[in-house]
N, C-alpha and C. Protein backbone atom coordinates (compact mmCIF):
# COMPACT_ATOMS: atom_id res chain seq x y z
N MET A 1 -110.93 -12.28 -20.81
CA MET A 1 -112.27 -11.75 -20.77
C MET A 1 -112.71 -11.22 -22.17
N THR A 2 -111.69 -10.60 -22.87
CA THR A 2 -112.00 -10.05 -24.14
C THR A 2 -112.41 -11.12 -25.15
N ARG A 3 -111.66 -12.24 -25.12
CA ARG A 3 -111.94 -13.33 -26.07
C ARG A 3 -113.36 -13.93 -25.69
N PHE A 4 -113.58 -14.05 -24.38
CA PHE A 4 -114.95 -14.56 -23.92
C PHE A 4 -116.07 -13.66 -24.43
N THR A 5 -115.96 -12.43 -24.14
CA THR A 5 -117.06 -11.51 -24.46
C THR A 5 -117.24 -11.30 -25.97
N ARG A 6 -116.08 -11.16 -26.67
CA ARG A 6 -116.23 -10.87 -28.12
C ARG A 6 -116.80 -12.13 -28.82
N THR A 7 -116.35 -13.32 -28.48
CA THR A 7 -116.84 -14.55 -29.07
C THR A 7 -118.30 -14.76 -28.81
N LEU A 8 -118.62 -14.58 -27.52
CA LEU A 8 -120.04 -14.73 -27.14
C LEU A 8 -120.98 -13.76 -27.84
N ALA A 9 -120.52 -12.55 -27.94
CA ALA A 9 -121.30 -11.54 -28.71
C ALA A 9 -121.48 -11.90 -30.14
N THR A 10 -120.48 -12.37 -30.79
CA THR A 10 -120.50 -12.79 -32.20
C THR A 10 -121.44 -13.96 -32.38
N LEU A 11 -121.35 -14.90 -31.52
CA LEU A 11 -122.23 -16.12 -31.64
C LEU A 11 -123.70 -15.78 -31.38
N LEU A 12 -123.93 -14.97 -30.36
CA LEU A 12 -125.37 -14.58 -30.06
C LEU A 12 -125.91 -13.69 -31.19
N ALA A 13 -125.11 -12.78 -31.74
CA ALA A 13 -125.60 -11.90 -32.83
C ALA A 13 -125.94 -12.71 -34.06
N ASN A 14 -125.27 -13.86 -34.24
CA ASN A 14 -125.59 -14.67 -35.47
C ASN A 14 -126.60 -15.76 -35.22
N GLY A 15 -127.30 -15.69 -34.07
CA GLY A 15 -128.43 -16.59 -33.84
C GLY A 15 -128.06 -17.90 -33.23
N VAL A 16 -126.87 -18.07 -32.68
CA VAL A 16 -126.50 -19.31 -32.03
C VAL A 16 -127.20 -19.34 -30.65
N PRO A 17 -127.81 -20.49 -30.27
CA PRO A 17 -128.42 -20.50 -28.95
C PRO A 17 -127.41 -20.32 -27.82
N ILE A 18 -127.86 -19.81 -26.73
CA ILE A 18 -126.99 -19.39 -25.64
C ILE A 18 -126.19 -20.48 -25.06
N VAL A 19 -126.81 -21.68 -24.88
CA VAL A 19 -126.16 -22.86 -24.37
C VAL A 19 -125.08 -23.37 -25.32
N THR A 20 -125.37 -23.38 -26.53
CA THR A 20 -124.39 -23.81 -27.58
C THR A 20 -123.26 -22.80 -27.65
N SER A 21 -123.61 -21.48 -27.54
CA SER A 21 -122.56 -20.41 -27.52
C SER A 21 -121.60 -20.59 -26.31
N PHE A 22 -122.13 -20.94 -25.22
CA PHE A 22 -121.27 -21.18 -24.02
C PHE A 22 -120.37 -22.39 -24.24
N ASP A 23 -120.87 -23.41 -24.87
CA ASP A 23 -120.04 -24.56 -25.22
C ASP A 23 -118.92 -24.20 -26.16
N ILE A 24 -119.20 -23.42 -27.17
CA ILE A 24 -118.17 -22.97 -28.12
C ILE A 24 -117.16 -22.08 -27.45
N VAL A 25 -117.64 -21.13 -26.61
CA VAL A 25 -116.72 -20.20 -25.97
C VAL A 25 -115.83 -20.97 -24.95
N LYS A 26 -116.40 -21.94 -24.26
CA LYS A 26 -115.56 -22.75 -23.35
C LYS A 26 -114.47 -23.42 -24.06
N SER A 27 -114.73 -23.88 -25.26
CA SER A 27 -113.69 -24.67 -25.99
C SER A 27 -112.56 -23.83 -26.54
N ILE A 28 -112.82 -22.46 -26.75
CA ILE A 28 -111.76 -21.61 -27.24
C ILE A 28 -110.91 -20.89 -26.23
N LEU A 29 -111.34 -20.99 -24.95
CA LEU A 29 -110.60 -20.34 -23.89
C LEU A 29 -109.41 -21.13 -23.53
N ASP A 30 -108.27 -20.43 -23.41
CA ASP A 30 -107.03 -21.07 -22.99
C ASP A 30 -106.92 -21.27 -21.54
N ASN A 31 -107.54 -20.43 -20.72
CA ASN A 31 -107.47 -20.51 -19.28
C ASN A 31 -108.42 -21.60 -18.80
N THR A 32 -107.92 -22.63 -18.15
CA THR A 32 -108.77 -23.75 -17.71
C THR A 32 -109.69 -23.35 -16.58
N VAL A 33 -109.25 -22.38 -15.72
CA VAL A 33 -110.16 -21.95 -14.61
C VAL A 33 -111.37 -21.27 -15.17
N ILE A 34 -111.13 -20.33 -16.09
CA ILE A 34 -112.24 -19.63 -16.68
C ILE A 34 -113.16 -20.57 -17.46
N SER A 35 -112.47 -21.48 -18.18
CA SER A 35 -113.27 -22.50 -18.95
C SER A 35 -114.19 -23.31 -18.05
N ALA A 36 -113.63 -23.69 -16.85
CA ALA A 36 -114.50 -24.45 -15.93
C ALA A 36 -115.65 -23.66 -15.42
N GLU A 37 -115.43 -22.35 -15.19
CA GLU A 37 -116.51 -21.52 -14.67
C GLU A 37 -117.50 -21.24 -15.76
N VAL A 38 -117.10 -21.13 -16.97
CA VAL A 38 -118.08 -20.96 -18.13
C VAL A 38 -118.86 -22.26 -18.23
N GLU A 39 -118.27 -23.43 -18.05
CA GLU A 39 -119.08 -24.64 -18.11
C GLU A 39 -120.10 -24.68 -16.95
N LYS A 40 -119.71 -24.29 -15.79
CA LYS A 40 -120.70 -24.25 -14.64
C LYS A 40 -121.82 -23.20 -14.94
N ALA A 41 -121.46 -22.09 -15.55
CA ALA A 41 -122.46 -21.10 -15.86
C ALA A 41 -123.44 -21.65 -16.98
N ARG A 42 -122.88 -22.34 -17.93
CA ARG A 42 -123.71 -23.02 -18.91
C ARG A 42 -124.73 -23.93 -18.28
N ASP A 43 -124.31 -24.70 -17.33
CA ASP A 43 -125.20 -25.68 -16.62
C ASP A 43 -126.29 -24.87 -15.92
N ASP A 44 -125.89 -23.79 -15.24
CA ASP A 44 -126.90 -22.98 -14.59
C ASP A 44 -127.86 -22.29 -15.53
N ILE A 45 -127.38 -21.89 -16.70
CA ILE A 45 -128.27 -21.33 -17.69
C ILE A 45 -129.22 -22.33 -18.23
N LYS A 46 -128.77 -23.56 -18.36
CA LYS A 46 -129.66 -24.66 -18.81
C LYS A 46 -130.80 -24.82 -17.82
N GLU A 47 -130.60 -24.58 -16.55
CA GLU A 47 -131.59 -24.73 -15.54
C GLU A 47 -132.53 -23.50 -15.49
N GLY A 48 -132.19 -22.47 -16.28
CA GLY A 48 -133.14 -21.29 -16.34
C GLY A 48 -132.65 -20.06 -15.65
N LYS A 49 -131.40 -20.05 -15.11
CA LYS A 49 -130.94 -18.87 -14.42
C LYS A 49 -130.49 -17.81 -15.40
N GLU A 50 -130.32 -16.58 -14.90
CA GLU A 50 -129.82 -15.54 -15.79
C GLU A 50 -128.33 -15.76 -16.00
N ILE A 51 -127.81 -15.15 -17.07
CA ILE A 51 -126.40 -15.31 -17.43
C ILE A 51 -125.50 -14.68 -16.33
N SER A 52 -125.91 -13.53 -15.87
CA SER A 52 -125.06 -12.80 -14.92
C SER A 52 -124.90 -13.41 -13.59
N LYS A 53 -125.94 -14.18 -13.14
CA LYS A 53 -125.88 -14.79 -11.76
C LYS A 53 -124.71 -15.72 -11.58
N PRO A 54 -124.58 -16.79 -12.45
CA PRO A 54 -123.51 -17.69 -12.22
C PRO A 54 -122.16 -17.06 -12.48
N LEU A 55 -122.10 -16.13 -13.41
CA LEU A 55 -120.82 -15.43 -13.67
C LEU A 55 -120.35 -14.61 -12.47
N SER A 56 -121.34 -14.00 -11.80
CA SER A 56 -120.96 -13.16 -10.61
C SER A 56 -120.66 -14.07 -9.48
N ALA A 57 -121.31 -15.19 -9.35
CA ALA A 57 -121.03 -16.12 -8.23
C ALA A 57 -119.66 -16.78 -8.32
N SER A 58 -119.10 -16.90 -9.51
CA SER A 58 -117.81 -17.49 -9.70
C SER A 58 -116.72 -16.66 -9.09
N GLY A 59 -116.85 -15.37 -9.10
CA GLY A 59 -115.82 -14.45 -8.58
C GLY A 59 -114.68 -14.27 -9.47
N ILE A 60 -114.60 -14.88 -10.54
CA ILE A 60 -113.52 -14.72 -11.56
C ILE A 60 -113.78 -13.57 -12.48
N PHE A 61 -115.00 -13.38 -12.88
CA PHE A 61 -115.39 -12.29 -13.85
C PHE A 61 -115.42 -11.03 -13.14
N PRO A 62 -114.79 -9.94 -13.73
CA PRO A 62 -114.82 -8.60 -13.08
C PRO A 62 -116.26 -8.13 -12.95
N PRO A 63 -116.45 -7.31 -11.90
CA PRO A 63 -117.81 -6.73 -11.71
C PRO A 63 -118.35 -5.92 -12.86
N VAL A 64 -117.45 -5.28 -13.62
CA VAL A 64 -117.87 -4.48 -14.73
C VAL A 64 -118.51 -5.42 -15.78
N VAL A 65 -117.85 -6.53 -16.07
CA VAL A 65 -118.32 -7.48 -17.00
C VAL A 65 -119.70 -8.05 -16.62
N VAL A 66 -119.81 -8.42 -15.34
CA VAL A 66 -121.05 -8.98 -14.86
C VAL A 66 -122.19 -7.99 -14.92
N SER A 67 -121.92 -6.78 -14.45
CA SER A 67 -122.99 -5.83 -14.44
C SER A 67 -123.47 -5.43 -15.87
N MET A 68 -122.51 -5.33 -16.77
CA MET A 68 -122.87 -4.96 -18.14
C MET A 68 -123.65 -6.09 -18.81
N ILE A 69 -123.27 -7.36 -18.48
CA ILE A 69 -124.05 -8.45 -19.04
C ILE A 69 -125.46 -8.45 -18.47
N ALA A 70 -125.60 -8.16 -17.13
CA ALA A 70 -126.92 -8.07 -16.51
C ALA A 70 -127.74 -6.99 -17.20
N VAL A 71 -127.15 -5.84 -17.47
CA VAL A 71 -127.88 -4.76 -18.09
C VAL A 71 -128.28 -5.12 -19.51
N GLY A 72 -127.37 -5.84 -20.24
CA GLY A 72 -127.72 -6.29 -21.55
C GLY A 72 -128.84 -7.30 -21.59
N GLU A 73 -128.83 -8.20 -20.55
CA GLU A 73 -129.93 -9.18 -20.44
C GLU A 73 -131.27 -8.51 -20.22
N ARG A 74 -131.28 -7.55 -19.31
CA ARG A 74 -132.55 -6.89 -19.03
C ARG A 74 -133.01 -5.97 -20.14
N SER A 75 -132.13 -5.38 -20.82
CA SER A 75 -132.54 -4.43 -22.00
C SER A 75 -132.70 -5.20 -23.23
N GLY A 76 -132.34 -6.46 -23.35
CA GLY A 76 -132.47 -7.15 -24.64
C GLY A 76 -131.42 -6.87 -25.62
N GLN A 77 -130.30 -6.24 -25.21
CA GLN A 77 -129.20 -5.88 -26.06
C GLN A 77 -127.91 -6.52 -25.59
N LEU A 78 -127.95 -7.82 -25.29
CA LEU A 78 -126.83 -8.53 -24.76
C LEU A 78 -125.59 -8.48 -25.66
N GLU A 79 -125.83 -8.66 -27.00
CA GLU A 79 -124.70 -8.65 -27.93
C GLU A 79 -124.01 -7.35 -27.95
N GLU A 80 -124.80 -6.26 -27.93
CA GLU A 80 -124.16 -4.94 -27.90
C GLU A 80 -123.34 -4.67 -26.61
N MET A 81 -123.88 -5.10 -25.53
CA MET A 81 -123.18 -4.91 -24.27
C MET A 81 -121.89 -5.78 -24.15
N LEU A 82 -122.01 -6.98 -24.68
CA LEU A 82 -120.77 -7.82 -24.80
C LEU A 82 -119.73 -7.18 -25.65
N ASN A 83 -120.10 -6.57 -26.72
CA ASN A 83 -119.14 -5.95 -27.60
C ASN A 83 -118.54 -4.68 -26.85
N ARG A 84 -119.34 -4.00 -26.15
CA ARG A 84 -118.85 -2.85 -25.33
C ARG A 84 -117.86 -3.30 -24.23
N VAL A 85 -118.20 -4.36 -23.51
CA VAL A 85 -117.30 -4.90 -22.52
C VAL A 85 -115.99 -5.35 -23.17
N SER A 86 -116.11 -5.94 -24.36
CA SER A 86 -114.90 -6.40 -24.99
C SER A 86 -114.00 -5.13 -25.37
N GLY A 87 -114.60 -4.11 -25.85
CA GLY A 87 -113.88 -2.91 -26.14
C GLY A 87 -113.22 -2.28 -24.89
N ILE A 88 -113.95 -2.30 -23.82
CA ILE A 88 -113.37 -1.76 -22.52
C ILE A 88 -112.20 -2.61 -22.09
N MET A 89 -112.37 -3.92 -22.13
CA MET A 89 -111.28 -4.82 -21.69
C MET A 89 -110.08 -4.67 -22.63
N GLU A 90 -110.26 -4.54 -23.92
CA GLU A 90 -109.10 -4.29 -24.87
C GLU A 90 -108.38 -2.97 -24.51
N ALA A 91 -109.12 -1.90 -24.24
CA ALA A 91 -108.56 -0.67 -23.87
C ALA A 91 -107.74 -0.78 -22.60
N GLU A 92 -108.32 -1.58 -21.63
CA GLU A 92 -107.59 -1.75 -20.41
C GLU A 92 -106.28 -2.53 -20.59
N VAL A 93 -106.33 -3.51 -21.40
CA VAL A 93 -105.10 -4.30 -21.70
C VAL A 93 -104.06 -3.44 -22.37
N ASP A 94 -104.49 -2.63 -23.38
CA ASP A 94 -103.58 -1.70 -24.06
C ASP A 94 -102.93 -0.74 -23.09
N SER A 95 -103.74 -0.17 -22.15
CA SER A 95 -103.19 0.75 -21.22
C SER A 95 -102.19 0.09 -20.27
N SER A 96 -102.48 -1.11 -19.86
CA SER A 96 -101.53 -1.85 -18.97
C SER A 96 -100.26 -2.16 -19.66
N LEU A 97 -100.39 -2.54 -20.96
CA LEU A 97 -99.14 -2.85 -21.71
C LEU A 97 -98.32 -1.58 -21.95
N ARG A 98 -98.97 -0.44 -22.18
CA ARG A 98 -98.19 0.76 -22.33
C ARG A 98 -97.50 1.16 -21.02
N ARG A 99 -98.10 0.95 -19.92
CA ARG A 99 -97.46 1.26 -18.61
C ARG A 99 -96.31 0.32 -18.40
N LEU A 100 -96.50 -0.96 -18.70
CA LEU A 100 -95.42 -1.94 -18.53
C LEU A 100 -94.23 -1.64 -19.40
N MET A 101 -94.52 -1.26 -20.67
CA MET A 101 -93.43 -0.93 -21.54
C MET A 101 -92.72 0.35 -21.13
N SER A 102 -93.38 1.32 -20.57
CA SER A 102 -92.75 2.54 -20.07
C SER A 102 -91.82 2.26 -18.88
N LEU A 103 -92.11 1.16 -18.15
CA LEU A 103 -91.24 0.78 -17.04
C LEU A 103 -90.11 -0.09 -17.52
N VAL A 104 -90.35 -0.88 -18.50
CA VAL A 104 -89.33 -1.77 -19.05
C VAL A 104 -88.22 -1.05 -19.86
N GLU A 105 -88.64 -0.07 -20.59
CA GLU A 105 -87.66 0.73 -21.37
C GLU A 105 -86.46 1.21 -20.68
N PRO A 106 -86.59 1.94 -19.53
CA PRO A 106 -85.37 2.37 -18.86
C PRO A 106 -84.52 1.22 -18.33
N VAL A 107 -85.10 0.20 -17.86
CA VAL A 107 -84.35 -1.00 -17.43
C VAL A 107 -83.58 -1.59 -18.55
N MET A 108 -84.18 -1.71 -19.75
CA MET A 108 -83.44 -2.25 -20.83
C MET A 108 -82.30 -1.32 -21.31
N ILE A 109 -82.52 -0.01 -21.23
CA ILE A 109 -81.42 0.92 -21.56
C ILE A 109 -80.27 0.75 -20.64
N LEU A 110 -80.54 0.68 -19.33
CA LEU A 110 -79.51 0.42 -18.36
C LEU A 110 -78.77 -0.87 -18.54
N PHE A 111 -79.50 -1.98 -18.85
CA PHE A 111 -78.95 -3.23 -19.15
C PHE A 111 -78.00 -3.23 -20.29
N MET A 112 -78.45 -2.59 -21.41
CA MET A 112 -77.63 -2.41 -22.58
C MET A 112 -76.41 -1.57 -22.30
N GLY A 113 -76.51 -0.55 -21.42
CA GLY A 113 -75.35 0.31 -21.09
C GLY A 113 -74.32 -0.56 -20.35
N PHE A 114 -74.82 -1.41 -19.42
CA PHE A 114 -73.83 -2.24 -18.71
C PHE A 114 -73.11 -3.26 -19.63
N ILE A 115 -73.84 -3.74 -20.61
CA ILE A 115 -73.26 -4.70 -21.58
C ILE A 115 -72.15 -3.97 -22.42
N VAL A 116 -72.50 -2.72 -22.93
CA VAL A 116 -71.56 -1.98 -23.71
C VAL A 116 -70.37 -1.60 -22.82
N ALA A 117 -70.56 -1.16 -21.61
CA ALA A 117 -69.47 -0.81 -20.73
C ALA A 117 -68.55 -2.04 -20.47
N PHE A 118 -69.15 -3.26 -20.30
CA PHE A 118 -68.37 -4.45 -20.13
C PHE A 118 -67.50 -4.76 -21.37
N ILE A 119 -68.07 -4.59 -22.54
CA ILE A 119 -67.35 -4.86 -23.76
C ILE A 119 -66.24 -3.86 -23.90
N VAL A 120 -66.48 -2.61 -23.64
CA VAL A 120 -65.42 -1.58 -23.75
C VAL A 120 -64.30 -1.84 -22.79
N ILE A 121 -64.64 -2.16 -21.57
CA ILE A 121 -63.63 -2.45 -20.53
C ILE A 121 -62.78 -3.69 -20.96
N SER A 122 -63.55 -4.73 -21.41
CA SER A 122 -62.79 -5.95 -21.81
C SER A 122 -61.88 -5.73 -23.00
N ILE A 123 -62.15 -4.76 -23.82
CA ILE A 123 -61.25 -4.46 -24.98
C ILE A 123 -60.11 -3.58 -24.50
N LEU A 124 -60.40 -2.56 -23.70
CA LEU A 124 -59.34 -1.58 -23.28
C LEU A 124 -58.41 -2.08 -22.19
N LEU A 125 -58.88 -2.99 -21.36
CA LEU A 125 -57.99 -3.53 -20.34
C LEU A 125 -56.75 -4.17 -20.85
N PRO A 126 -56.83 -5.07 -21.77
CA PRO A 126 -55.61 -5.72 -22.33
C PRO A 126 -54.70 -4.68 -22.98
N ILE A 127 -55.31 -3.63 -23.61
CA ILE A 127 -54.47 -2.64 -24.25
C ILE A 127 -53.65 -1.90 -23.19
N PHE A 128 -54.27 -1.51 -22.12
CA PHE A 128 -53.55 -0.80 -21.02
C PHE A 128 -52.48 -1.64 -20.38
N GLU A 129 -52.75 -3.02 -20.24
CA GLU A 129 -51.78 -3.94 -19.70
C GLU A 129 -50.57 -4.03 -20.67
N MET A 130 -50.77 -4.05 -21.94
CA MET A 130 -49.77 -4.16 -22.94
C MET A 130 -48.94 -2.84 -22.88
N ASN A 131 -49.56 -1.74 -22.64
CA ASN A 131 -48.92 -0.44 -22.62
C ASN A 131 -47.93 -0.38 -21.39
N GLN A 132 -48.33 -0.98 -20.28
CA GLN A 132 -47.50 -1.00 -19.08
C GLN A 132 -46.33 -1.94 -19.20
N LEU A 133 -46.48 -3.01 -19.99
CA LEU A 133 -45.39 -3.97 -20.25
C LEU A 133 -44.31 -3.32 -21.11
N VAL A 134 -44.72 -2.52 -22.02
CA VAL A 134 -43.82 -1.88 -22.96
C VAL A 134 -42.97 -0.83 -22.14
N LYS A 135 -43.49 -0.20 -21.25
CA LYS A 135 -42.77 0.94 -20.43
C LYS A 135 -41.87 0.10 -19.50
């Protein structure tokens, strides 16, 4: 979503027509499902529909994105709203990554502890066996 909104905002701010902008955005998206929905939205926009209508009908775009695009269309500040949406999405991704990393850290510490314990036991066990043979 961030790549979609940021690229679309940049293209529209630089005077690229909306249909051409959707073609360009479609080609840079890695997700084929979103790319297909952008292509459908482009076709609907060619027919004269608002941008937010086909995006909301697809069900893939979050309601926040669709509603902010609708507000931007109505107010004539679509580029600014797309940039805001992009900022919100980036903050959401950062927050999710921080939460994920806070969950992964303890698991990694435990995993490394098990590896170190295995190495210590594998070194000390032969030493103890040799000690028992000597006695």
